[in-house]
Structures are given as C-alpha cells and as structure tokens.
Amino acid sequence: MAINITYAGYGVWEKTRDATSEIKKAYASGQRRFLATNDWVGDPAPGERKYLYIVWDGGGFMTSGVVGEDDDRGVNLP
C-alpha cells in the first residue's frame, strides 16, 4: 500500500523541528520503522526527552504514530 507522509516532527512542546523531508527520504529508500533520535534533525531540546511523530494518509484516511526517545518500539509505517 502506498502512503503519503504529510508531516513529521521531532522534539518536545515548543522545541519541535520539522522532520518531514528526512522521514520521507528514509521511507522512499525502504525504511519502515522509525525511532525518536537526534539523527533526524539534530537535538532541538538538549537534556529533555524528545518525541518523533508522523502523520500519513493511508488510503483515504489519516493515521499518526508517536514514539519517545529511547523507546525501541518505533513508529512502523506500512
């Protein structure tokens, strides 16, 4: 199933950076599991626990996923 990633952000509260293009590139290259890591857009909030959230359109309905820094489950995209 083809999906369209509409937005991805990484950070906490008002210290969030747009990670959409980085997540889209990784998805296009075959990655399907995404973890919250400073590798996406740097560290927008040093010393604070950050979150990665992804919103995508999966066949006519919007879906989202979120994962916290140091969680190993990740956001799994189809």
N, C-alpha and C. Protein backbone atom coordinates (compact mmCIF):
# COMPACT_ATOMS: atom_id res chain seq x y z
N MET A 1 0.84 -1.17 0.00
CA MET A 1 0.00 0.00 0.00
C MET A 1 0.89 1.25 0.00
N ALA A 2 0.61 2.15 -0.89
CA ALA A 2 1.35 3.42 -0.93
C ALA A 2 0.75 4.38 0.08
N ILE A 3 1.62 5.07 0.78
CA ILE A 3 1.15 6.08 1.72
C ILE A 3 1.77 7.42 1.37
N ASN A 4 1.18 8.47 1.90
CA ASN A 4 1.71 9.81 1.73
C ASN A 4 1.99 10.39 3.12
N ILE A 5 3.25 10.59 3.44
CA ILE A 5 3.63 11.18 4.72
C ILE A 5 3.36 12.67 4.62
N THR A 6 2.44 13.16 5.45
CA THR A 6 2.07 14.58 5.37
C THR A 6 2.85 15.46 6.33
N TYR A 7 3.27 14.90 7.47
CA TYR A 7 4.07 15.69 8.40
C TYR A 7 4.80 14.78 9.37
N ALA A 8 6.00 15.18 9.74
CA ALA A 8 6.76 14.50 10.79
C ALA A 8 7.47 15.58 11.60
N GLY A 9 7.42 15.45 12.90
CA GLY A 9 8.09 16.40 13.77
C GLY A 9 8.88 15.68 14.83
N TYR A 10 9.93 16.34 15.32
CA TYR A 10 10.78 15.75 16.35
C TYR A 10 11.09 16.81 17.39
N GLY A 11 10.82 16.51 18.65
CA GLY A 11 11.13 17.45 19.72
C GLY A 11 10.18 17.29 20.88
N VAL A 12 9.99 18.40 21.59
CA VAL A 12 9.10 18.43 22.75
C VAL A 12 8.52 19.83 22.87
N TRP A 13 7.22 19.89 23.11
CA TRP A 13 6.50 21.16 23.25
C TRP A 13 6.87 22.16 22.16
N GLU A 14 7.27 23.36 22.54
CA GLU A 14 7.59 24.40 21.55
C GLU A 14 8.98 24.23 20.94
N LYS A 15 9.67 23.19 21.31
CA LYS A 15 11.02 22.93 20.80
C LYS A 15 10.98 21.75 19.84
N THR A 16 10.15 21.88 18.80
CA THR A 16 9.98 20.81 17.82
C THR A 16 10.48 21.28 16.47
N ARG A 17 11.15 20.38 15.77
CA ARG A 17 11.64 20.67 14.42
C ARG A 17 10.90 19.81 13.41
N ASP A 18 10.71 20.37 12.23
CA ASP A 18 10.07 19.65 11.14
C ASP A 18 11.04 18.60 10.60
N ALA A 19 10.63 17.35 10.62
CA ALA A 19 11.46 16.25 10.13
C ALA A 19 10.83 15.57 8.92
N THR A 20 9.85 16.23 8.30
CA THR A 20 9.09 15.62 7.21
C THR A 20 9.99 15.17 6.06
N SER A 21 10.84 16.04 5.57
CA SER A 21 11.65 15.65 4.40
C SER A 21 12.60 14.51 4.74
N GLU A 22 13.17 14.50 5.93
CA GLU A 22 14.09 13.42 6.32
C GLU A 22 13.36 12.08 6.41
N ILE A 23 12.16 12.09 7.00
CA ILE A 23 11.38 10.86 7.13
C ILE A 23 10.93 10.38 5.75
N LYS A 24 10.50 11.31 4.89
CA LYS A 24 10.08 10.93 3.54
C LYS A 24 11.24 10.29 2.76
N LYS A 25 12.44 10.85 2.88
CA LYS A 25 13.60 10.28 2.19
C LYS A 25 13.89 8.87 2.69
N ALA A 26 13.86 8.68 4.00
CA ALA A 26 14.13 7.37 4.57
C ALA A 26 13.06 6.36 4.15
N TYR A 27 11.81 6.80 4.13
CA TYR A 27 10.72 5.92 3.70
C TYR A 27 10.90 5.52 2.23
N ALA A 28 11.23 6.49 1.39
CA ALA A 28 11.42 6.23 -0.04
C ALA A 28 12.56 5.24 -0.28
N SER A 29 13.55 5.24 0.62
CA SER A 29 14.67 4.31 0.45
C SER A 29 14.41 2.94 1.10
N GLY A 30 13.20 2.75 1.64
CA GLY A 30 12.84 1.43 2.15
C GLY A 30 12.68 1.30 3.65
N GLN A 31 13.02 2.32 4.41
CA GLN A 31 12.89 2.22 5.86
C GLN A 31 11.42 2.26 6.24
N ARG A 32 11.00 1.39 7.16
CA ARG A 32 9.61 1.33 7.59
C ARG A 32 9.43 1.49 9.10
N ARG A 33 10.50 1.40 9.85
CA ARG A 33 10.45 1.54 11.31
C ARG A 33 11.25 2.77 11.68
N PHE A 34 10.62 3.69 12.41
CA PHE A 34 11.25 4.96 12.74
C PHE A 34 11.31 5.15 14.25
N LEU A 35 12.50 5.46 14.73
CA LEU A 35 12.74 5.69 16.15
C LEU A 35 12.97 7.19 16.40
N ALA A 36 12.71 7.62 17.61
CA ALA A 36 12.98 9.00 18.01
C ALA A 36 14.46 9.14 18.32
N THR A 37 15.18 9.84 17.45
CA THR A 37 16.61 10.01 17.60
C THR A 37 17.04 11.37 17.08
N ASN A 38 18.10 11.90 17.65
CA ASN A 38 18.63 13.20 17.22
C ASN A 38 19.20 13.15 15.80
N ASP A 39 19.31 11.96 15.22
CA ASP A 39 19.85 11.82 13.87
C ASP A 39 18.97 12.48 12.81
N TRP A 40 17.68 12.66 13.09
CA TRP A 40 16.78 13.22 12.08
C TRP A 40 17.04 14.69 11.82
N VAL A 41 17.02 15.53 12.85
CA VAL A 41 17.15 16.98 12.66
C VAL A 41 17.96 17.63 13.77
N GLY A 42 18.84 16.87 14.38
CA GLY A 42 19.63 17.41 15.48
C GLY A 42 18.86 17.32 16.79
N ASP A 43 19.35 18.00 17.80
CA ASP A 43 18.74 17.97 19.13
C ASP A 43 18.05 19.30 19.41
N PRO A 44 16.73 19.37 19.24
CA PRO A 44 16.02 20.63 19.44
C PRO A 44 15.82 21.00 20.90
N ALA A 45 16.06 20.06 21.82
CA ALA A 45 15.83 20.33 23.24
C ALA A 45 16.82 19.52 24.09
N PRO A 46 18.08 19.98 24.14
CA PRO A 46 19.08 19.23 24.90
C PRO A 46 18.64 18.98 26.35
N GLY A 47 18.84 17.75 26.80
CA GLY A 47 18.51 17.39 28.17
C GLY A 47 17.05 17.03 28.40
N GLU A 48 16.20 17.18 27.39
CA GLU A 48 14.79 16.83 27.53
C GLU A 48 14.47 15.60 26.67
N ARG A 49 13.49 14.84 27.10
CA ARG A 49 13.07 13.67 26.33
C ARG A 49 12.23 14.13 25.14
N LYS A 50 12.68 13.77 23.95
CA LYS A 50 12.01 14.18 22.72
C LYS A 50 11.10 13.07 22.20
N TYR A 51 10.21 13.48 21.26
CA TYR A 51 9.28 12.56 20.63
C TYR A 51 9.31 12.76 19.12
N LEU A 52 9.16 11.67 18.39
CA LEU A 52 9.00 11.71 16.95
C LEU A 52 7.55 11.38 16.67
N TYR A 53 6.89 12.24 15.91
CA TYR A 53 5.52 11.92 15.50
C TYR A 53 5.42 12.06 13.99
N ILE A 54 4.65 11.14 13.43
CA ILE A 54 4.50 11.06 11.97
C ILE A 54 3.01 10.98 11.66
N VAL A 55 2.58 11.77 10.68
CA VAL A 55 1.19 11.75 10.21
C VAL A 55 1.22 11.35 8.74
N TRP A 56 0.37 10.38 8.36
CA TRP A 56 0.35 9.94 6.97
C TRP A 56 -1.07 9.62 6.53
N ASP A 57 -1.26 9.71 5.22
CA ASP A 57 -2.53 9.35 4.59
C ASP A 57 -2.35 7.93 4.07
N GLY A 58 -3.12 7.03 4.60
CA GLY A 58 -3.01 5.63 4.20
C GLY A 58 -4.25 5.12 3.51
N GLY A 59 -4.45 5.51 2.28
CA GLY A 59 -5.59 5.02 1.53
C GLY A 59 -6.88 5.74 1.84
N GLY A 60 -6.83 7.04 1.99
CA GLY A 60 -8.04 7.82 2.20
C GLY A 60 -8.35 8.16 3.64
N PHE A 61 -7.52 7.75 4.57
CA PHE A 61 -7.73 8.12 5.97
C PHE A 61 -6.40 8.52 6.59
N MET A 62 -6.44 9.49 7.48
CA MET A 62 -5.23 9.97 8.13
C MET A 62 -4.91 9.08 9.33
N THR A 63 -3.63 8.77 9.48
CA THR A 63 -3.15 7.96 10.58
C THR A 63 -1.92 8.65 11.16
N SER A 64 -1.69 8.45 12.44
CA SER A 64 -0.49 9.03 13.04
C SER A 64 0.13 8.04 14.01
N GLY A 65 1.40 8.28 14.29
CA GLY A 65 2.12 7.47 15.26
C GLY A 65 3.12 8.34 15.98
N VAL A 66 3.42 7.98 17.21
CA VAL A 66 4.38 8.73 18.01
C VAL A 66 5.24 7.75 18.80
N VAL A 67 6.50 8.13 18.98
CA VAL A 67 7.42 7.31 19.76
C VAL A 67 8.34 8.25 20.53
N GLY A 68 8.64 7.88 21.76
CA GLY A 68 9.53 8.68 22.61
C GLY A 68 10.98 8.28 22.44
N GLU A 69 11.85 9.23 22.72
CA GLU A 69 13.28 8.98 22.69
C GLU A 69 13.61 7.83 23.63
N ASP A 70 14.47 6.94 23.21
CA ASP A 70 14.90 5.75 23.95
C ASP A 70 13.88 4.62 23.96
N ASP A 71 12.71 4.81 23.33
CA ASP A 71 11.76 3.70 23.16
C ASP A 71 12.23 2.89 21.97
N ASP A 72 12.15 1.57 22.07
CA ASP A 72 12.65 0.74 20.97
C ASP A 72 11.55 0.21 20.07
N ARG A 73 10.31 0.57 20.32
CA ARG A 73 9.19 0.05 19.50
C ARG A 73 9.09 0.78 18.16
N GLY A 74 9.27 2.06 18.15
CA GLY A 74 9.24 2.83 16.92
C GLY A 74 7.85 3.04 16.35
N VAL A 75 7.79 3.87 15.33
CA VAL A 75 6.58 4.06 14.53
C VAL A 75 6.79 3.20 13.30
N ASN A 76 5.90 2.26 13.08
CA ASN A 76 6.01 1.33 11.95
C ASN A 76 5.03 1.75 10.86
N LEU A 77 5.57 2.10 9.71
CA LEU A 77 4.74 2.51 8.57
C LEU A 77 4.53 1.34 7.64
N PRO A 78 3.37 1.31 6.95
CA PRO A 78 3.11 0.21 6.02
C PRO A 78 3.99 0.28 4.79
